[in-house]
Structure formats: C-alpha cells, structure tokens
Amino acid sequence: HHVPKGYVYFAMAFSLTVELLNIRLRKRGTPANLHGSRIPGDE
C-alpha cells in the first residue's frame, strides 16, 4: 500500500512546527508546575 506524499509532508511539517514551539517555550525559562511529578511515599 502507498501513502500519499501529501500526508507524509503534512505530518512532517506539523511535527516540525510542534518542535519549534516546544523549543521556544523551553527557552522562555518558566518551568511548568507539574502536580503529578511527585513520587508517592517520598516526603
């Protein structure tokens, strides 16, 4: 089976856009407060 090139290019462009957004947000320097990042029993 053959996947149309348009789908592949769209997926690549979409993931690239998401990665660029992630890099920009990470450079901003504000750490996200993740409430579920604590290990149970580690107090």
PDB file of N, CA and C in Angstrom:
ATOM      1  N   HIS A   1       0.843  -1.191   0.000  1.00  0.00           N
ATOM      2  CA  HIS A   1       0.000   0.000   0.000  1.00  0.00           C
ATOM      3  C   HIS A   1       0.878   1.240   0.000  1.00  0.00           C
ATOM      4  N   HIS A   2       0.371   2.273  -0.626  1.00  0.00           N
ATOM      5  CA  HIS A   2       1.150   3.503  -0.785  1.00  0.00           C
ATOM      6  C   HIS A   2       0.472   4.652  -0.053  1.00  0.00           C
ATOM      7  N   VAL A   3       1.261   5.377   0.728  1.00  0.00           N
ATOM      8  CA  VAL A   3       0.744   6.538   1.446  1.00  0.00           C
ATOM      9  C   VAL A   3       0.967   7.776   0.584  1.00  0.00           C
ATOM     10  N   PRO A   4      -0.063   8.574   0.368  1.00  0.00           N
ATOM     11  CA  PRO A   4       0.113   9.794  -0.439  1.00  0.00           C
ATOM     12  C   PRO A   4       1.167  10.715   0.161  1.00  0.00           C
ATOM     13  N   LYS A   5       1.950  11.330  -0.724  1.00  0.00           N
ATOM     14  CA  LYS A   5       3.032  12.194  -0.248  1.00  0.00           C
ATOM     15  C   LYS A   5       2.507  13.377   0.546  1.00  0.00           C
ATOM     16  N   GLY A   6       1.326  13.843   0.226  1.00  0.00           N
ATOM     17  CA  GLY A   6       0.760  14.982   0.943  1.00  0.00           C
ATOM     18  C   GLY A   6       0.604  14.695   2.420  1.00  0.00           C
ATOM     19  N   TYR A   7       0.186  13.465   2.755  1.00  0.00           N
ATOM     20  CA  TYR A   7       0.033  13.104   4.163  1.00  0.00           C
ATOM     21  C   TYR A   7       1.371  13.106   4.875  1.00  0.00           C
ATOM     22  N   VAL A   8       2.389  12.560   4.200  1.00  0.00           N
ATOM     23  CA  VAL A   8       3.713  12.484   4.815  1.00  0.00           C
ATOM     24  C   VAL A   8       4.269  13.885   5.035  1.00  0.00           C
ATOM     25  N   TYR A   9       4.165  14.738   4.022  1.00  0.00           N
ATOM     26  CA  TYR A   9       4.681  16.097   4.158  1.00  0.00           C
ATOM     27  C   TYR A   9       3.929  16.880   5.224  1.00  0.00           C
ATOM     28  N   PHE A  10       2.602  16.670   5.301  1.00  0.00           N
ATOM     29  CA  PHE A  10       1.829  17.371   6.316  1.00  0.00           C
ATOM     30  C   PHE A  10       2.237  16.921   7.708  1.00  0.00           C
ATOM     31  N   ALA A  11       2.441  15.620   7.891  1.00  0.00           N
ATOM     32  CA  ALA A  11       2.841  15.111   9.203  1.00  0.00           C
ATOM     33  C   ALA A  11       4.214  15.652   9.591  1.00  0.00           C
ATOM     34  N   MET A  12       5.136  15.703   8.628  1.00  0.00           N
ATOM     35  CA  MET A  12       6.473  16.215   8.923  1.00  0.00           C
ATOM     36  C   MET A  12       6.424  17.698   9.276  1.00  0.00           C
ATOM     37  N   ALA A  13       5.658  18.470   8.521  1.00  0.00           N
ATOM     38  CA  ALA A  13       5.560  19.904   8.797  1.00  0.00           C
ATOM     39  C   ALA A  13       4.886  20.147  10.140  1.00  0.00           C
ATOM     40  N   PHE A  14       3.878  19.339  10.455  1.00  0.00           N
ATOM     41  CA  PHE A  14       3.173  19.515  11.720  1.00  0.00           C
ATOM     42  C   PHE A  14       4.097  19.224  12.894  1.00  0.00           C
ATOM     43  N   SER A  15       4.839  18.105  12.814  1.00  0.00           N
ATOM     44  CA  SER A  15       5.734  17.764  13.926  1.00  0.00           C
ATOM     45  C   SER A  15       6.857  18.785  14.042  1.00  0.00           C
ATOM     46  N   LEU A  16       7.343  19.292  12.924  1.00  0.00           N
ATOM     47  CA  LEU A  16       8.390  20.312  12.968  1.00  0.00           C
ATOM     48  C   LEU A  16       7.869  21.581  13.638  1.00  0.00           C
ATOM     49  N   THR A  17       6.630  21.967  13.319  1.00  0.00           N
ATOM     50  CA  THR A  17       6.038  23.148  13.951  1.00  0.00           C
ATOM     51  C   THR A  17       5.908  22.957  15.450  1.00  0.00           C
ATOM     52  N   VAL A  18       5.466  21.766  15.860  1.00  0.00           N
ATOM     53  CA  VAL A  18       5.314  21.492  17.286  1.00  0.00           C
ATOM     54  C   VAL A  18       6.670  21.542  17.983  1.00  0.00           C
ATOM     55  N   GLU A  19       7.702  20.994  17.342  1.00  0.00           N
ATOM     56  CA  GLU A  19       9.034  21.013  17.942  1.00  0.00           C
ATOM     57  C   GLU A  19       9.553  22.440  18.078  1.00  0.00           C
ATOM     58  N   LEU A  20       9.350  23.272  17.069  1.00  0.00           N
ATOM     59  CA  LEU A  20       9.799  24.663  17.165  1.00  0.00           C
ATOM     60  C   LEU A  20       9.066  25.391  18.283  1.00  0.00           C
ATOM     61  N   LEU A  21       7.776  25.120  18.441  1.00  0.00           N
ATOM     62  CA  LEU A  21       7.030  25.729  19.543  1.00  0.00           C
ATOM     63  C   LEU A  21       7.583  25.262  20.880  1.00  0.00           C
ATOM     64  N   ASN A  22       7.907  23.973  20.984  1.00  0.00           N
ATOM     65  CA  ASN A  22       8.451  23.449  22.235  1.00  0.00           C
ATOM     66  C   ASN A  22       9.786  24.099  22.565  1.00  0.00           C
ATOM     67  N   ILE A  23      10.645  24.278  21.558  1.00  0.00           N
ATOM     68  CA  ILE A  23      11.952  24.891  21.802  1.00  0.00           C
ATOM     69  C   ILE A  23      11.762  26.334  22.272  1.00  0.00           C
ATOM     70  N   ARG A  24      10.835  27.064  21.631  1.00  0.00           N
ATOM     71  CA  ARG A  24      10.609  28.457  22.024  1.00  0.00           C
ATOM     72  C   ARG A  24      10.069  28.549  23.438  1.00  0.00           C
ATOM     73  N   LEU A  25       9.153  27.656  23.786  1.00  0.00           N
ATOM     74  CA  LEU A  25       8.584  27.701  25.134  1.00  0.00           C
ATOM     75  C   LEU A  25       9.623  27.295  26.167  1.00  0.00           C
ATOM     76  N   ARG A  26      10.512  26.377  25.801  1.00  0.00           N
ATOM     77  CA  ARG A  26      11.536  25.937  26.748  1.00  0.00           C
ATOM     78  C   ARG A  26      12.565  27.038  26.975  1.00  0.00           C
ATOM     79  N   LYS A  27      12.874  27.814  25.934  1.00  0.00           N
ATOM     80  CA  LYS A  27      13.863  28.889  26.083  1.00  0.00           C
ATOM     81  C   LYS A  27      13.342  30.011  26.971  1.00  0.00           C
ATOM     82  N   ARG A  28      12.032  30.125  27.111  1.00  0.00           N
ATOM     83  CA  ARG A  28      11.455  31.216  27.900  1.00  0.00           C
ATOM     84  C   ARG A  28      11.871  31.108  29.362  1.00  0.00           C
ATOM     85  N   GLY A  29      12.125  29.897  29.847  1.00  0.00           N
ATOM     86  CA  GLY A  29      12.706  29.747  31.173  1.00  0.00           C
ATOM     87  C   GLY A  29      11.709  29.612  32.301  1.00  0.00           C
ATOM     88  N   THR A  30      10.427  29.556  32.005  1.00  0.00           N
ATOM     89  CA  THR A  30       9.455  29.378  33.080  1.00  0.00           C
ATOM     90  C   THR A  30       9.134  27.893  33.206  1.00  0.00           C
ATOM     91  N   PRO A  31       9.585  27.273  34.287  1.00  0.00           N
ATOM     92  CA  PRO A  31       9.321  25.841  34.439  1.00  0.00           C
ATOM     93  C   PRO A  31       7.844  25.593  34.709  1.00  0.00           C
ATOM     94  N   ALA A  32       7.304  24.586  34.059  1.00  0.00           N
ATOM     95  CA  ALA A  32       5.896  24.269  34.258  1.00  0.00           C
ATOM     96  C   ALA A  32       5.721  23.545  35.578  1.00  0.00           C
ATOM     97  N   ASN A  33       4.670  23.900  36.298  1.00  0.00           N
ATOM     98  CA  ASN A  33       4.388  23.238  37.559  1.00  0.00           C
ATOM     99  C   ASN A  33       3.562  21.991  37.292  1.00  0.00           C
ATOM    100  N   LEU A  34       4.220  20.846  37.343  1.00  0.00           N
ATOM    101  CA  LEU A  34       3.528  19.585  37.142  1.00  0.00           C
ATOM    102  C   LEU A  34       3.143  19.028  38.496  1.00  0.00           C
ATOM    103  N   HIS A  35       1.846  18.895  38.730  1.00  0.00           N
ATOM    104  CA  HIS A  35       1.390  18.462  40.048  1.00  0.00           C
ATOM    105  C   HIS A  35       1.622  16.972  40.258  1.00  0.00           C
ATOM    106  N   GLY A  36       1.659  16.194  39.184  1.00  0.00           N
ATOM    107  CA  GLY A  36       1.791  14.750  39.334  1.00  0.00           C
ATOM    108  C   GLY A  36       3.224  14.266  39.261  1.00  0.00           C
ATOM    109  N   SER A  37       4.203  15.170  39.468  1.00  0.00           N
ATOM    110  CA  SER A  37       5.590  14.767  39.300  1.00  0.00           C
ATOM    111  C   SER A  37       6.201  14.235  40.587  1.00  0.00           C
ATOM    112  N   ARG A  38       5.442  14.268  41.681  1.00  0.00           N
ATOM    113  CA  ARG A  38       5.989  13.776  42.943  1.00  0.00           C
ATOM    114  C   ARG A  38       5.912  12.260  43.020  1.00  0.00           C
ATOM    115  N   ILE A  39       6.920  11.654  43.628  1.00  0.00           N
ATOM    116  CA  ILE A  39       6.938  10.205  43.796  1.00  0.00           C
ATOM    117  C   ILE A  39       6.141   9.855  45.051  1.00  0.00           C
ATOM    118  N   PRO A  40       5.187   8.928  44.959  1.00  0.00           N
ATOM    119  CA  PRO A  40       4.406   8.560  46.157  1.00  0.00           C
ATOM    120  C   PRO A  40       5.300   7.980  47.246  1.00  0.00           C
ATOM    121  N   GLY A  41       5.124   8.454  48.477  1.00  0.00           N
ATOM    122  CA  GLY A  41       5.908   7.948  49.595  1.00  0.00           C
ATOM    123  C   GLY A  41       7.193   8.706  49.820  1.00  0.00           C
ATOM    124  N   ASP A  42       7.546   9.617  48.919  1.00  0.00           N
ATOM    125  CA  ASP A  42       8.785  10.382  49.068  1.00  0.00           C
ATOM    126  C   ASP A  42       8.439  11.747  49.648  1.00  0.00           C
ATOM    127  N   GLU A  43       8.442  11.843  50.974  1.00  0.00           N
ATOM    128  CA  GLU A  43       8.025  13.099  51.614  1.00  0.00           C
ATOM    129  C   GLU A  43       9.100  13.640  52.522  1.00  0.00           C
TER     130      GLU A  43
END
